[in-house]
Amino acid sequence: MAGDIEFRAATLADVPAIAALHAASWKDVYRSFLDPAFLAGPVDEQRLQVWQERLANPLASQHVILACRDGDLLGFVCAYRDREPIWGSYIDNLHVSPQARGTGLGTALLHETAGWALANCRSRSLYLWVFKVNYQARRFYESRRGREVEVIDDEAPDGSMTRSVRIHWPDARTLLQPPPD
């Protein structure tokens, strides 16, 4: 990954760019398992509303990190401090634009999140949920030492039922290490 990436906290002015990247990511990655009608329409407005609310009225525990190059948003992560006593802080979203995938940006965003968690959270643990059918994301998190610890039935954003897998890092410091070969 090029060294000219800027990591910074999100602001309310970033809402349109975050929502657009989030919707584009879902349309690309989730096209094989979410309703095409949802991805063709409501997803854009839904993501805009979600991010408007999140950044206009942020929870004190919320932290949104953007990865930008020359002012263009390439990826973001949204985490919540100390969400669950057993599992730690919650990574609610991690999305990288299609053109930045495979460059190490996702790993860098996890690294930034781990640094934030270690500096600001009571627990050193991090976790997230991923759709069970999202094999690419599951392999990515596993390659970053995340452990699959639970599978649940869950409602997907399009209203359908799906299965989700909890990925857990008992110690965020493992995300600061280079991925294993």
Protein backbone atom coordinates (compact mmCIF):
# COMPACT_ATOMS: atom_id res chain seq x y z
CA MET A 1 0.00 0.00 0.00
CA ALA A 2 1.33 3.42 -0.92
CA GLY A 3 2.46 5.63 1.91
CA ASP A 4 0.31 8.54 0.80
CA ILE A 5 -2.81 7.30 2.61
CA GLU A 6 -4.18 9.67 5.23
CA PHE A 7 -6.07 8.16 8.17
CA ARG A 8 -8.37 10.56 9.99
CA ALA A 9 -11.55 10.68 12.05
CA ALA A 10 -14.78 11.14 10.12
CA THR A 11 -16.81 14.34 10.31
CA LEU A 12 -20.39 15.20 9.38
CA ALA A 13 -19.11 16.57 6.05
CA ASP A 14 -17.96 13.04 5.16
CA VAL A 15 -21.47 11.53 5.27
CA PRO A 16 -22.13 11.51 1.49
CA ALA A 17 -18.77 9.91 0.67
CA ILE A 18 -19.02 7.28 3.45
CA ALA A 19 -22.61 6.39 2.48
CA ALA A 20 -21.69 6.13 -1.20
CA LEU A 21 -18.68 3.88 -0.51
CA HIS A 22 -20.71 1.74 1.90
CA ALA A 23 -23.52 1.25 -0.65
CA ALA A 24 -21.06 0.58 -3.49
CA SER A 25 -19.25 -2.00 -1.35
CA TRP A 26 -22.50 -3.82 -0.56
CA LYS A 27 -23.56 -3.73 -4.23
CA ASP A 28 -20.26 -5.31 -5.20
CA VAL A 29 -19.57 -7.79 -2.39
CA TYR A 30 -23.14 -8.72 -1.42
CA ARG A 31 -24.66 -8.97 -4.92
CA SER A 32 -24.76 -12.76 -4.78
CA PHE A 33 -26.63 -13.00 -1.48
CA LEU A 34 -28.76 -9.87 -0.95
CA ASP A 35 -31.96 -9.05 -2.84
CA PRO A 36 -31.06 -7.37 -6.18
CA ALA A 37 -34.05 -5.01 -5.80
CA PHE A 38 -32.70 -3.81 -2.45
CA LEU A 39 -29.21 -3.28 -3.90
CA ALA A 40 -30.63 -1.47 -6.94
CA GLY A 41 -32.65 1.01 -4.91
CA PRO A 42 -33.14 1.38 -1.16
CA VAL A 43 -29.54 0.63 -0.17
CA ASP A 44 -28.28 4.09 -1.23
CA GLU A 45 -30.87 6.04 0.76
CA GLN A 46 -30.63 3.63 3.70
CA ARG A 47 -26.84 4.02 3.98
CA LEU A 48 -27.15 7.82 3.67
CA GLN A 49 -29.69 7.90 6.52
CA VAL A 50 -27.58 5.60 8.71
CA TRP A 51 -24.43 7.67 8.27
CA GLN A 52 -26.25 10.98 8.67
CA GLU A 53 -27.57 9.77 12.03
CA ARG A 54 -24.28 8.22 13.14
CA LEU A 55 -22.22 11.33 12.45
CA ALA A 56 -24.82 13.97 13.37
CA ASN A 57 -25.52 12.30 16.73
CA PRO A 58 -22.51 10.06 17.43
CA LEU A 59 -22.49 7.77 20.42
CA ALA A 60 -19.66 8.56 22.81
CA SER A 61 -18.30 5.06 22.18
CA GLN A 62 -18.26 5.44 18.37
CA HIS A 63 -15.07 5.92 16.37
CA VAL A 64 -15.03 6.19 12.56
CA ILE A 65 -11.67 6.17 10.80
CA LEU A 66 -11.36 7.14 7.14
CA ALA A 67 -8.57 6.19 4.75
CA CYS A 68 -8.15 8.85 2.06
CA ARG A 69 -5.74 9.56 -0.79
CA ASP A 70 -5.71 13.02 -2.36
CA GLY A 71 -9.07 13.75 -0.74
CA ASP A 72 -10.74 10.61 -2.11
CA LEU A 73 -12.24 8.13 0.35
CA LEU A 74 -10.76 4.67 -0.21
CA GLY A 75 -12.03 2.91 2.91
CA PHE A 76 -13.40 3.29 6.40
CA VAL A 77 -13.96 1.46 9.64
CA CYS A 78 -16.58 2.17 12.31
CA ALA A 79 -16.02 0.75 15.79
CA TYR A 80 -17.72 1.02 19.16
CA ARG A 81 -15.68 1.02 22.36
CA ASP A 82 -16.26 -1.77 24.92
CA ARG A 83 -19.55 -2.94 23.36
CA GLU A 84 -19.73 -6.36 25.07
CA PRO A 85 -17.97 -7.38 28.30
CA ILE A 86 -16.89 -10.79 26.98
CA TRP A 87 -16.03 -9.81 23.40
CA GLY A 88 -14.75 -6.24 23.78
CA SER A 89 -15.06 -3.45 21.24
CA TYR A 90 -17.22 -3.94 18.17
CA ILE A 91 -16.11 -3.34 14.59
CA ASP A 92 -19.46 -2.60 12.98
CA ASN A 93 -18.21 -1.74 9.49
CA LEU A 94 -15.00 -2.16 7.55
CA HIS A 95 -15.24 -1.34 3.84
CA VAL A 96 -12.62 -0.74 1.19
CA SER A 97 -13.43 0.60 -2.28
CA PRO A 98 -13.14 -2.00 -5.06
CA GLN A 99 -10.13 -0.21 -6.60
CA ALA A 100 -8.26 -0.32 -3.26
CA ARG A 101 -8.91 -3.99 -2.46
CA GLY A 102 -5.83 -6.15 -2.31
CA THR A 103 -3.55 -3.20 -1.53
CA GLY A 104 -3.30 -3.79 2.23
CA LEU A 105 -5.77 -1.04 3.07
CA GLY A 106 -8.14 -3.36 4.95
CA THR A 107 -5.23 -4.59 7.05
CA ALA A 108 -4.16 -0.98 7.67
CA LEU A 109 -7.69 -0.06 8.80
CA LEU A 110 -7.69 -3.01 11.22
CA HIS A 111 -4.29 -1.81 12.46
CA GLU A 112 -5.66 1.71 13.03
CA THR A 113 -8.67 0.26 14.86
CA ALA A 114 -6.45 -1.90 17.08
CA GLY A 115 -4.34 1.13 17.98
CA TRP A 116 -7.46 3.12 18.84
CA ALA A 117 -8.85 0.26 20.92
CA LEU A 118 -5.64 -0.26 22.85
CA ALA A 119 -5.42 3.47 23.63
CA ASN A 120 -9.10 4.08 24.43
CA CYS A 121 -10.87 0.90 25.52
CA ARG A 122 -11.00 -1.05 28.77
CA SER A 123 -10.88 -4.37 26.94
CA ARG A 124 -8.12 -5.39 24.54
CA SER A 125 -10.57 -7.62 22.64
CA LEU A 126 -12.19 -6.79 19.30
CA TYR A 127 -14.95 -8.56 17.39
CA LEU A 128 -17.16 -8.21 14.36
CA TRP A 129 -19.94 -10.04 12.55
CA VAL A 130 -19.69 -11.20 8.94
CA PHE A 131 -22.20 -13.02 6.75
CA LYS A 132 -21.39 -16.72 6.75
CA VAL A 133 -21.64 -16.76 2.93
CA ASN A 134 -19.06 -13.95 2.66
CA TYR A 135 -16.18 -16.39 2.31
CA GLN A 136 -13.73 -13.79 1.03
CA ALA A 137 -14.15 -11.60 4.12
CA ARG A 138 -13.98 -14.61 6.43
CA ARG A 139 -10.68 -15.70 4.85
CA PHE A 140 -9.35 -12.14 5.15
CA TYR A 141 -10.17 -11.94 8.89
CA GLU A 142 -8.81 -15.43 9.51
CA SER A 143 -5.57 -14.43 7.78
CA ARG A 144 -5.38 -11.51 10.26
CA ARG A 145 -5.64 -13.96 13.18
CA GLY A 146 -9.36 -13.51 13.81
CA ARG A 147 -11.09 -16.56 15.25
CA GLU A 148 -14.58 -17.68 14.27
CA VAL A 149 -16.27 -18.24 17.62
CA GLU A 150 -20.03 -18.22 17.00
CA VAL A 151 -22.64 -18.56 14.25
CA ILE A 152 -26.14 -17.07 14.63
CA ASP A 153 -29.30 -16.62 12.58
CA ASP A 154 -29.56 -12.95 11.76
CA GLU A 155 -31.60 -10.50 9.72
CA ALA A 156 -29.74 -9.12 6.70
CA PRO A 157 -30.10 -5.45 5.67
CA ASP A 158 -32.59 -6.43 2.94
CA GLY A 159 -34.88 -8.08 5.53
CA SER A 160 -33.99 -11.67 4.59
CA MET A 161 -32.70 -14.16 7.13
CA THR A 162 -29.06 -15.18 6.97
CA ARG A 163 -26.36 -16.68 9.14
CA SER A 164 -23.65 -14.48 10.62
CA VAL A 165 -20.29 -15.47 12.09
CA ARG A 166 -18.66 -13.68 15.01
CA ILE A 167 -14.95 -13.08 14.40
CA HIS A 168 -12.96 -12.39 17.57
CA TRP A 169 -9.51 -11.10 18.38
CA PRO A 170 -8.90 -11.76 22.11
CA ASP A 171 -6.03 -9.27 22.05
CA ALA A 172 -6.04 -6.35 19.60
CA ARG A 173 -2.25 -6.35 19.69
CA THR A 174 -2.30 -9.30 17.27
CA LEU A 175 -3.64 -6.90 14.63
CA LEU A 176 -0.54 -4.76 15.01
CA GLN A 177 1.63 -7.64 13.86
CA PRO A 178 2.18 -8.38 10.17
CA PRO A 179 -0.24 -11.00 8.81
CA PRO A 180 1.23 -14.50 8.99
CA ASP A 181 2.54 -15.95 5.73
